[in-house]
Amino acid sequence: MWVYIMASGWNGTLYVGVTNSLSRRVTEHREGRGSGFANKYAVTHLVYAERFERADEAIAQEKLMKRWRRERKISLIESCNPDWRDLYDTIHLD
């Protein structure tokens, strides 16, 4: 399972999600088949992803991160992806 953050661009709108197939889910976001929120704000860049062995851990982390203030999410992204690169092609997705 994956917890991920999509962004509309550098320091743009953020979307936190959880999935069992990161490659499929990112593709859905990019093709406009993601959540209504993600589609509305064009969050198409994968800027953070963390893999979990257990689904309950991933879901708990997603819920926690969704409660975080924007500044904390940005801090997390910048701690591992300071240039806000789209990570889709650089990480092992599934």
PDB file of N, CA and C in Angstrom:
ATOM      1  N   MET A   1       0.845  -1.187   0.000  1.00  0.00           N
ATOM      2  CA  MET A   1       0.000   0.000   0.000  1.00  0.00           C
ATOM      3  C   MET A   1       0.884   1.242   0.000  1.00  0.00           C
ATOM      4  N   TRP A   2       0.355   2.276  -0.606  1.00  0.00           N
ATOM      5  CA  TRP A   2       1.077   3.536  -0.735  1.00  0.00           C
ATOM      6  C   TRP A   2       0.269   4.693  -0.187  1.00  0.00           C
ATOM      7  N   VAL A   3       0.946   5.599   0.494  1.00  0.00           N
ATOM      8  CA  VAL A   3       0.390   6.916   0.811  1.00  0.00           C
ATOM      9  C   VAL A   3       1.155   7.873  -0.080  1.00  0.00           C
ATOM     10  N   TYR A   4       0.441   8.771  -0.724  1.00  0.00           N
ATOM     11  CA  TYR A   4       1.096   9.639  -1.694  1.00  0.00           C
ATOM     12  C   TYR A   4       0.538  11.053  -1.620  1.00  0.00           C
ATOM     13  N   ILE A   5       1.323  11.985  -2.152  1.00  0.00           N
ATOM     14  CA  ILE A   5       0.863  13.362  -2.297  1.00  0.00           C
ATOM     15  C   ILE A   5       1.050  13.754  -3.753  1.00  0.00           C
ATOM     16  N   MET A   6      -0.018  14.245  -4.340  1.00  0.00           N
ATOM     17  CA  MET A   6      -0.002  14.805  -5.682  1.00  0.00           C
ATOM     18  C   MET A   6      -0.080  16.319  -5.540  1.00  0.00           C
ATOM     19  N   ALA A   7       0.504  17.025  -6.499  1.00  0.00           N
ATOM     20  CA  ALA A   7       0.476  18.494  -6.478  1.00  0.00           C
ATOM     21  C   ALA A   7       0.169  19.016  -7.870  1.00  0.00           C
ATOM     22  N   SER A   8      -0.355  20.234  -7.910  1.00  0.00           N
ATOM     23  CA  SER A   8      -0.637  20.866  -9.198  1.00  0.00           C
ATOM     24  C   SER A   8       0.616  21.516  -9.773  1.00  0.00           C
ATOM     25  N   GLY A   9       1.667  21.553  -9.011  1.00  0.00           N
ATOM     26  CA  GLY A   9       2.937  22.142  -9.423  1.00  0.00           C
ATOM     27  C   GLY A   9       3.698  22.546  -8.189  1.00  0.00           C
ATOM     28  N   TRP A  10       4.814  23.231  -8.381  1.00  0.00           N
ATOM     29  CA  TRP A  10       5.623  23.641  -7.239  1.00  0.00           C
ATOM     30  C   TRP A  10       4.788  24.495  -6.298  1.00  0.00           C
ATOM     31  N   ASN A  11       4.709  24.073  -5.050  1.00  0.00           N
ATOM     32  CA  ASN A  11       3.999  24.801  -4.001  1.00  0.00           C
ATOM     33  C   ASN A  11       2.531  25.050  -4.360  1.00  0.00           C
ATOM     34  N   GLY A  12       1.971  24.155  -5.172  1.00  0.00           N
ATOM     35  CA  GLY A  12       0.586  24.304  -5.614  1.00  0.00           C
ATOM     36  C   GLY A  12      -0.386  23.546  -4.717  1.00  0.00           C
ATOM     37  N   THR A  13      -1.563  23.290  -5.252  1.00  0.00           N
ATOM     38  CA  THR A  13      -2.593  22.543  -4.538  1.00  0.00           C
ATOM     39  C   THR A  13      -2.089  21.135  -4.261  1.00  0.00           C
ATOM     40  N   LEU A  14      -2.377  20.620  -3.059  1.00  0.00           N
ATOM     41  CA  LEU A  14      -1.916  19.300  -2.641  1.00  0.00           C
ATOM     42  C   LEU A  14      -3.092  18.351  -2.451  1.00  0.00           C
ATOM     43  N   TYR A  15      -2.863  17.086  -2.772  1.00  0.00           N
ATOM     44  CA  TYR A  15      -3.855  16.035  -2.567  1.00  0.00           C
ATOM     45  C   TYR A  15      -3.157  14.849  -1.923  1.00  0.00           C
ATOM     46  N   VAL A  16      -3.663  14.383  -0.797  1.00  0.00           N
ATOM     47  CA  VAL A  16      -3.124  13.216  -0.094  1.00  0.00           C
ATOM     48  C   VAL A  16      -4.044  12.040  -0.352  1.00  0.00           C
ATOM     49  N   GLY A  17      -3.472  10.903  -0.731  1.00  0.00           N
ATOM     50  CA  GLY A  17      -4.283   9.725  -0.993  1.00  0.00           C
ATOM     51  C   GLY A  17      -3.586   8.451  -0.568  1.00  0.00           C
ATOM     52  N   VAL A  18      -4.331   7.352  -0.669  1.00  0.00           N
ATOM     53  CA  VAL A  18      -3.806   6.023  -0.361  1.00  0.00           C
ATOM     54  C   VAL A  18      -4.275   5.083  -1.471  1.00  0.00           C
ATOM     55  N   THR A  19      -3.411   4.130  -1.835  1.00  0.00           N
ATOM     56  CA  THR A  19      -3.755   3.199  -2.902  1.00  0.00           C
ATOM     57  C   THR A  19      -2.929   1.929  -2.789  1.00  0.00           C
ATOM     58  N   ASN A  20      -3.414   0.873  -3.401  1.00  0.00           N
ATOM     59  CA  ASN A  20      -2.617  -0.354  -3.455  1.00  0.00           C
ATOM     60  C   ASN A  20      -1.853  -0.452  -4.779  1.00  0.00           C
ATOM     61  N   SER A  21      -2.129   0.453  -5.717  1.00  0.00           N
ATOM     62  CA  SER A  21      -1.410   0.487  -6.984  1.00  0.00           C
ATOM     63  C   SER A  21      -1.093   1.938  -7.337  1.00  0.00           C
ATOM     64  N   LEU A  22       0.101   2.360  -6.992  1.00  0.00           N
ATOM     65  CA  LEU A  22       0.472   3.759  -7.194  1.00  0.00           C
ATOM     66  C   LEU A  22       0.505   4.123  -8.678  1.00  0.00           C
ATOM     67  N   SER A  23       1.030   3.246  -9.506  1.00  0.00           N
ATOM     68  CA  SER A  23       1.097   3.556 -10.937  1.00  0.00           C
ATOM     69  C   SER A  23      -0.300   3.746 -11.519  1.00  0.00           C
ATOM     70  N   ARG A  24      -1.238   2.878 -11.170  1.00  0.00           N
ATOM     71  CA  ARG A  24      -2.613   3.005 -11.661  1.00  0.00           C
ATOM     72  C   ARG A  24      -3.247   4.293 -11.171  1.00  0.00           C
ATOM     73  N   ARG A  25      -3.058   4.585  -9.898  1.00  0.00           N
ATOM     74  CA  ARG A  25      -3.706   5.770  -9.315  1.00  0.00           C
ATOM     75  C   ARG A  25      -3.148   7.066  -9.882  1.00  0.00           C
ATOM     76  N   VAL A  26      -1.837   7.143 -10.053  1.00  0.00           N
ATOM     77  CA  VAL A  26      -1.248   8.351 -10.650  1.00  0.00           C
ATOM     78  C   VAL A  26      -1.762   8.520 -12.077  1.00  0.00           C
ATOM     79  N   THR A  27      -1.841   7.441 -12.816  1.00  0.00           N
ATOM     80  CA  THR A  27      -2.379   7.502 -14.177  1.00  0.00           C
ATOM     81  C   THR A  27      -3.819   8.011 -14.156  1.00  0.00           C
ATOM     82  N   GLU A  28      -4.616   7.528 -13.216  1.00  0.00           N
ATOM     83  CA  GLU A  28      -5.998   8.013 -13.096  1.00  0.00           C
ATOM     84  C   GLU A  28      -6.039   9.516 -12.846  1.00  0.00           C
ATOM     85  N   HIS A  29      -5.200   9.990 -11.948  1.00  0.00           N
ATOM     86  CA  HIS A  29      -5.147  11.432 -11.676  1.00  0.00           C
ATOM     87  C   HIS A  29      -4.773  12.200 -12.944  1.00  0.00           C
ATOM     88  N   ARG A  30      -3.787  11.711 -13.652  1.00  0.00           N
ATOM     89  CA  ARG A  30      -3.300  12.419 -14.846  1.00  0.00           C
ATOM     90  C   ARG A  30      -4.320  12.413 -15.980  1.00  0.00           C
ATOM     91  N   GLU A  31      -5.132  11.389 -16.030  1.00  0.00           N
ATOM     92  CA  GLU A  31      -6.140  11.292 -17.099  1.00  0.00           C
ATOM     93  C   GLU A  31      -7.485  11.872 -16.689  1.00  0.00           C
ATOM     94  N   GLY A  32      -7.530  12.507 -15.523  1.00  0.00           N
ATOM     95  CA  GLY A  32      -8.774  13.119 -15.077  1.00  0.00           C
ATOM     96  C   GLY A  32      -9.773  12.136 -14.503  1.00  0.00           C
ATOM     97  N   ARG A  33      -9.306  10.964 -14.125  1.00  0.00           N
ATOM     98  CA  ARG A  33     -10.178   9.952 -13.533  1.00  0.00           C
ATOM     99  C   ARG A  33      -9.910   9.785 -12.038  1.00  0.00           C
ATOM    100  N   GLY A  34      -9.235  10.769 -11.434  1.00  0.00           N
ATOM    101  CA  GLY A  34      -8.962  10.741  -9.993  1.00  0.00           C
ATOM    102  C   GLY A  34     -10.177  11.252  -9.243  1.00  0.00           C
ATOM    103  N   SER A  35      -9.968  11.703  -8.047  1.00  0.00           N
ATOM    104  CA  SER A  35     -11.072  12.244  -7.248  1.00  0.00           C
ATOM    105  C   SER A  35     -11.572  13.546  -7.871  1.00  0.00           C
ATOM    106  N   GLY A  36     -12.760  13.954  -7.497  1.00  0.00           N
ATOM    107  CA  GLY A  36     -13.310  15.225  -7.968  1.00  0.00           C
ATOM    108  C   GLY A  36     -12.420  16.394  -7.597  1.00  0.00           C
ATOM    109  N   PHE A  37     -11.913  16.380  -6.372  1.00  0.00           N
ATOM    110  CA  PHE A  37     -11.004  17.439  -5.911  1.00  0.00           C
ATOM    111  C   PHE A  37      -9.750  17.470  -6.776  1.00  0.00           C
ATOM    112  N   ALA A  38      -9.162  16.302  -6.977  1.00  0.00           N
ATOM    113  CA  ALA A  38      -7.924  16.222  -7.748  1.00  0.00           C
ATOM    114  C   ALA A  38      -8.149  16.693  -9.182  1.00  0.00           C
ATOM    115  N   ASN A  39      -9.272  16.338  -9.750  1.00  0.00           N
ATOM    116  CA  ASN A  39      -9.574  16.772 -11.122  1.00  0.00           C
ATOM    117  C   ASN A  39      -9.776  18.279 -11.183  1.00  0.00           C
ATOM    118  N   LYS A  40     -10.516  18.814 -10.231  1.00  0.00           N
ATOM    119  CA  LYS A  40     -10.813  20.249 -10.217  1.00  0.00           C
ATOM    120  C   LYS A  40      -9.551  21.085 -10.153  1.00  0.00           C
ATOM    121  N   TYR A  41      -8.579  20.647  -9.353  1.00  0.00           N
ATOM    122  CA  TYR A  41      -7.365  21.428  -9.139  1.00  0.00           C
ATOM    123  C   TYR A  41      -6.161  20.913  -9.926  1.00  0.00           C
ATOM    124  N   ALA A  42      -6.374  19.973 -10.822  1.00  0.00           N
ATOM    125  CA  ALA A  42      -5.326  19.459 -11.724  1.00  0.00           C
ATOM    126  C   ALA A  42      -4.064  19.033 -10.984  1.00  0.00           C
ATOM    127  N   VAL A  43      -4.231  18.224  -9.964  1.00  0.00           N
ATOM    128  CA  VAL A  43      -3.068  17.709  -9.242  1.00  0.00           C
ATOM    129  C   VAL A  43      -2.542  16.481  -9.995  1.00  0.00           C
ATOM    130  N   THR A  44      -1.521  16.697 -10.784  1.00  0.00           N
ATOM    131  CA  THR A  44      -1.020  15.658 -11.681  1.00  0.00           C
ATOM    132  C   THR A  44       0.432  15.279 -11.433  1.00  0.00           C
ATOM    133  N   HIS A  45       1.102  15.931 -10.479  1.00  0.00           N
ATOM    134  CA  HIS A  45       2.512  15.652 -10.198  1.00  0.00           C
ATOM    135  C   HIS A  45       2.634  14.859  -8.898  1.00  0.00           C
ATOM    136  N   LEU A  46       3.260  13.708  -8.982  1.00  0.00           N
ATOM    137  CA  LEU A  46       3.540  12.901  -7.796  1.00  0.00           C
ATOM    138  C   LEU A  46       4.762  13.484  -7.100  1.00  0.00           C
ATOM    139  N   VAL A  47       4.564  14.083  -5.939  1.00  0.00           N
ATOM    140  CA  VAL A  47       5.686  14.745  -5.254  1.00  0.00           C
ATOM    141  C   VAL A  47       6.133  14.025  -3.984  1.00  0.00           C
ATOM    142  N   TYR A  48       5.355  13.038  -3.539  1.00  0.00           N
ATOM    143  CA  TYR A  48       5.734  12.274  -2.345  1.00  0.00           C
ATOM    144  C   TYR A  48       5.045  10.917  -2.403  1.00  0.00           C
ATOM    145  N   ALA A  49       5.750   9.868  -2.000  1.00  0.00           N
ATOM    146  CA  ALA A  49       5.163   8.537  -1.905  1.00  0.00           C
ATOM    147  C   ALA A  49       5.891   7.744  -0.835  1.00  0.00           C
ATOM    148  N   GLU A  50       5.120   7.022  -0.061  1.00  0.00           N
ATOM    149  CA  GLU A  50       5.679   6.185   1.003  1.00  0.00           C
ATOM    150  C   GLU A  50       4.956   4.850   0.976  1.00  0.00           C
ATOM    151  N   ARG A  51       5.729   3.774   0.969  1.00  0.00           N
ATOM    152  CA  ARG A  51       5.162   2.432   0.891  1.00  0.00           C
ATOM    153  C   ARG A  51       4.977   1.838   2.284  1.00  0.00           C
ATOM    154  N   PHE A  52       3.879   1.139   2.466  1.00  0.00           N
ATOM    155  CA  PHE A  52       3.568   0.455   3.728  1.00  0.00           C
ATOM    156  C   PHE A  52       3.272  -1.008   3.425  1.00  0.00           C
ATOM    157  N   GLU A  53       3.692  -1.875   4.308  1.00  0.00           N
ATOM    158  CA  GLU A  53       3.416  -3.299   4.148  1.00  0.00           C
ATOM    159  C   GLU A  53       1.960  -3.634   4.452  1.00  0.00           C
ATOM    160  N   ARG A  54       1.391  -2.932   5.419  1.00  0.00           N
ATOM    161  CA  ARG A  54       0.022  -3.252   5.857  1.00  0.00           C
ATOM    162  C   ARG A  54      -0.939  -2.132   5.478  1.00  0.00           C
ATOM    163  N   ALA A  55      -2.106  -2.526   5.005  1.00  0.00           N
ATOM    164  CA  ALA A  55      -3.122  -1.564   4.582  1.00  0.00           C
ATOM    165  C   ALA A  55      -3.581  -0.687   5.734  1.00  0.00           C
ATOM    166  N   ASP A  56      -3.746  -1.251   6.925  1.00  0.00           N
ATOM    167  CA  ASP A  56      -4.236  -0.453   8.050  1.00  0.00           C
ATOM    168  C   ASP A  56      -3.244   0.642   8.427  1.00  0.00           C
ATOM    169  N   GLU A  57      -1.949   0.369   8.288  1.00  0.00           N
ATOM    170  CA  GLU A  57      -0.933   1.392   8.571  1.00  0.00           C
ATOM    171  C   GLU A  57      -0.986   2.519   7.537  1.00  0.00           C
ATOM    172  N   ALA A  58      -1.148   2.142   6.275  1.00  0.00           N
ATOM    173  CA  ALA A  58      -1.222   3.147   5.209  1.00  0.00           C
ATOM    174  C   ALA A  58      -2.454   4.024   5.374  1.00  0.00           C
ATOM    175  N   ILE A  59      -3.578   3.418   5.674  1.00  0.00           N
ATOM    176  CA  ILE A  59      -4.819   4.179   5.848  1.00  0.00           C
ATOM    177  C   ILE A  59      -4.718   5.110   7.050  1.00  0.00           C
ATOM    178  N   ALA A  60      -4.130   4.625   8.123  1.00  0.00           N
ATOM    179  CA  ALA A  60      -3.949   5.478   9.310  1.00  0.00           C
ATOM    180  C   ALA A  60      -3.033   6.658   8.993  1.00  0.00           C
ATOM    181  N   GLN A  61      -1.959   6.412   8.241  1.00  0.00           N
ATOM    182  CA  GLN A  61      -1.048   7.491   7.878  1.00  0.00           C
ATOM    183  C   GLN A  61      -1.734   8.508   6.971  1.00  0.00           C
ATOM    184  N   GLU A  62      -2.518   8.033   6.017  1.00  0.00           N
ATOM    185  CA  GLU A  62      -3.250   8.950   5.132  1.00  0.00           C
ATOM    186  C   GLU A  62      -4.191   9.837   5.944  1.00  0.00           C
ATOM    187  N   LYS A  63      -4.937   9.236   6.852  1.00  0.00           N
ATOM    188  CA  LYS A  63      -5.870  10.013   7.681  1.00  0.00           C
ATOM    189  C   LYS A  63      -5.130  11.050   8.512  1.00  0.00           C
ATOM    190  N   LEU A  64      -3.997  10.645   9.050  1.00  0.00           N
ATOM    191  CA  LEU A  64      -3.181  11.574   9.839  1.00  0.00           C
ATOM    192  C   LEU A  64      -2.706  12.740   8.974  1.00  0.00           C
ATOM    193  N   MET A  65      -2.157  12.428   7.813  1.00  0.00           N
ATOM    194  CA  MET A  65      -1.616  13.463   6.930  1.00  0.00           C
ATOM    195  C   MET A  65      -2.697  14.411   6.418  1.00  0.00           C
ATOM    196  N   LYS A  66      -3.889  13.905   6.216  1.00  0.00           N
ATOM    197  CA  LYS A  66      -4.982  14.767   5.763  1.00  0.00           C
ATOM    198  C   LYS A  66      -5.360  15.798   6.820  1.00  0.00           C
ATOM    199  N   ARG A  67      -5.058  15.508   8.075  1.00  0.00           N
ATOM    200  CA  ARG A  67      -5.335  16.468   9.163  1.00  0.00           C
ATOM    201  C   ARG A  67      -4.217  17.490   9.338  1.00  0.00           C
ATOM    202  N   TRP A  68      -3.055  17.214   8.746  1.00  0.00           N
ATOM    203  CA  TRP A  68      -1.930  18.130   8.870  1.00  0.00           C
ATOM    204  C   TRP A  68      -2.228  19.450   8.184  1.00  0.00           C
ATOM    205  N   ARG A  69      -1.644  20.493   8.727  1.00  0.00           N
ATOM    206  CA  ARG A  69      -1.695  21.802   8.065  1.00  0.00           C
ATOM    207  C   ARG A  69      -0.838  21.743   6.798  1.00  0.00           C
ATOM    208  N   ARG A  70      -1.154  22.594   5.880  1.00  0.00           N
ATOM    209  CA  ARG A  70      -0.436  22.665   4.607  1.00  0.00           C
ATOM    210  C   ARG A  70       1.077  22.785   4.812  1.00  0.00           C
ATOM    211  N   GLU A  71       1.494  23.609   5.761  1.00  0.00           N
ATOM    212  CA  GLU A  71       2.916  23.828   6.004  1.00  0.00           C
ATOM    213  C   GLU A  71       3.644  22.532   6.357  1.00  0.00           C
ATOM    214  N   ARG A  72       2.991  21.680   7.109  1.00  0.00           N
ATOM    215  CA  ARG A  72       3.625  20.416   7.499  1.00  0.00           C
ATOM    216  C   ARG A  72       3.758  19.486   6.293  1.00  0.00           C
ATOM    217  N   LYS A  73       2.747  19.469   5.428  1.00  0.00           N
ATOM    218  CA  LYS A  73       2.831  18.656   4.208  1.00  0.00           C
ATOM    219  C   LYS A  73       3.965  19.161   3.314  1.00  0.00           C
ATOM    220  N   ILE A  74       4.065  20.474   3.176  1.00  0.00           N
ATOM    221  CA  ILE A  74       5.144  21.051   2.368  1.00  0.00           C
ATOM    222  C   ILE A  74       6.503  20.692   2.957  1.00  0.00           C
ATOM    223  N   SER A  75       6.624  20.748   4.267  1.00  0.00           N
ATOM    224  CA  SER A  75       7.875  20.388   4.929  1.00  0.00           C
ATOM    225  C   SER A  75       8.241  18.932   4.639  1.00  0.00           C
ATOM    226  N   LEU A  76       7.262  18.035   4.684  1.00  0.00           N
ATOM    227  CA  LEU A  76       7.510  16.624   4.378  1.00  0.00           C
ATOM    228  C   LEU A  76       7.983  16.467   2.937  1.00  0.00           C
ATOM    229  N   ILE A  77       7.287  17.100   2.006  1.00  0.00           N
ATOM    230  CA  ILE A  77       7.681  17.017   0.594  1.00  0.00           C
ATOM    231  C   ILE A  77       9.100  17.524   0.416  1.00  0.00           C
ATOM    232  N   GLU A  78       9.388  18.691   0.962  1.00  0.00           N
ATOM    233  CA  GLU A  78      10.694  19.304   0.751  1.00  0.00           C
ATOM    234  C   GLU A  78      11.826  18.576   1.463  1.00  0.00           C
ATOM    235  N   SER A  79      11.509  17.780   2.490  1.00  0.00           N
ATOM    236  CA  SER A  79      12.553  17.010   3.171  1.00  0.00           C
ATOM    237  C   SER A  79      13.096  15.888   2.289  1.00  0.00           C
ATOM    238  N   CYS A  80      12.289  15.387   1.366  1.00  0.00           N
ATOM    239  CA  CYS A  80      12.756  14.300   0.499  1.00  0.00           C
ATOM    240  C   CYS A  80      12.703  14.656  -0.983  1.00  0.00           C
ATOM    241  N   ASN A  81      12.063  15.762  -1.326  1.00  0.00           N
ATOM    242  CA  ASN A  81      11.934  16.171  -2.727  1.00  0.00           C
ATOM    243  C   ASN A  81      11.962  17.705  -2.800  1.00  0.00           C
ATOM    244  N   PRO A  82      13.101  18.316  -2.463  1.00  0.00           N
ATOM    245  CA  PRO A  82      13.174  19.780  -2.341  1.00  0.00           C
ATOM    246  C   PRO A  82      12.867  20.540  -3.632  1.00  0.00           C
ATOM    247  N   ASP A  83      13.062  19.904  -4.769  1.00  0.00           N
ATOM    248  CA  ASP A  83      12.803  20.569  -6.048  1.00  0.00           C
ATOM    249  C   ASP A  83      11.395  20.306  -6.576  1.00  0.00           C
ATOM    250  N   TRP A  84      10.601  19.586  -5.806  1.00  0.00           N
ATOM    251  CA  TRP A  84       9.225  19.249  -6.194  1.00  0.00           C
ATOM    252  C   TRP A  84       9.193  18.546  -7.557  1.00  0.00           C
ATOM    253  N   ARG A  85      10.171  17.673  -7.786  1.00  0.00           N
ATOM    254  CA  ARG A  85      10.185  16.906  -9.036  1.00  0.00           C
ATOM    255  C   ARG A  85       9.010  15.941  -9.065  1.00  0.00           C
ATOM    256  N   ASP A  86       8.527  15.652 -10.252  1.00  0.00           N
ATOM    257  CA  ASP A  86       7.511  14.622 -10.415  1.00  0.00           C
ATOM    258  C   ASP A  86       8.223  13.280 -10.279  1.00  0.00           C
ATOM    259  N   LEU A  87       7.876  12.516  -9.263  1.00  0.00           N
ATOM    260  CA  LEU A  87       8.578  11.275  -8.932  1.00  0.00           C
ATOM    261  C   LEU A  87       8.074  10.061  -9.693  1.00  0.00           C
ATOM    262  N   TYR A  88       7.072  10.234 -10.503  1.00  0.00           N
ATOM    263  CA  TYR A  88       6.415   9.102 -11.160  1.00  0.00           C
ATOM    264  C   TYR A  88       7.399   8.166 -11.865  1.00  0.00           C
ATOM    265  N   ASP A  89       8.346   8.711 -12.599  1.00  0.00           N
ATOM    266  CA  ASP A  89       9.269   7.876 -13.366  1.00  0.00           C
ATOM    267  C   ASP A  89      10.524   7.482 -12.596  1.00  0.00           C
ATOM    268  N   THR A  90      10.659   7.936 -11.346  1.00  0.00           N
ATOM    269  CA  THR A  90      11.917   7.711 -10.634  1.00  0.00           C
ATOM    270  C   THR A  90      11.814   6.731  -9.473  1.00  0.00           C
ATOM    271  N   ILE A  91      10.611   6.293  -9.132  1.00  0.00           N
ATOM    272  CA  ILE A  91      10.499   5.342  -8.022  1.00  0.00           C
ATOM    273  C   ILE A  91       9.847   4.062  -8.504  1.00  0.00           C
ATOM    274  N   HIS A  92      10.143   2.968  -7.803  1.00  0.00           N
ATOM    275  CA  HIS A  92       9.513   1.684  -8.090  1.00  0.00           C
ATOM    276  C   HIS A  92       8.084   1.764  -7.570  1.00  0.00           C
ATOM    277  N   LEU A  93       7.105   1.726  -8.470  1.00  0.00           N
ATOM    278  CA  LEU A  93       5.737   2.077  -8.106  1.00  0.00           C
ATOM    279  C   LEU A  93       4.917   0.941  -7.512  1.00  0.00           C
ATOM    280  N   ASP A  94       5.068  -0.260  -7.968  1.00  0.00           N
ATOM    281  CA  ASP A  94       4.198  -1.336  -7.454  1.00  0.00           C
ATOM    282  C   ASP A  94       4.971  -2.583  -7.107  1.00  0.00           C
TER     283      ASP A  94
END
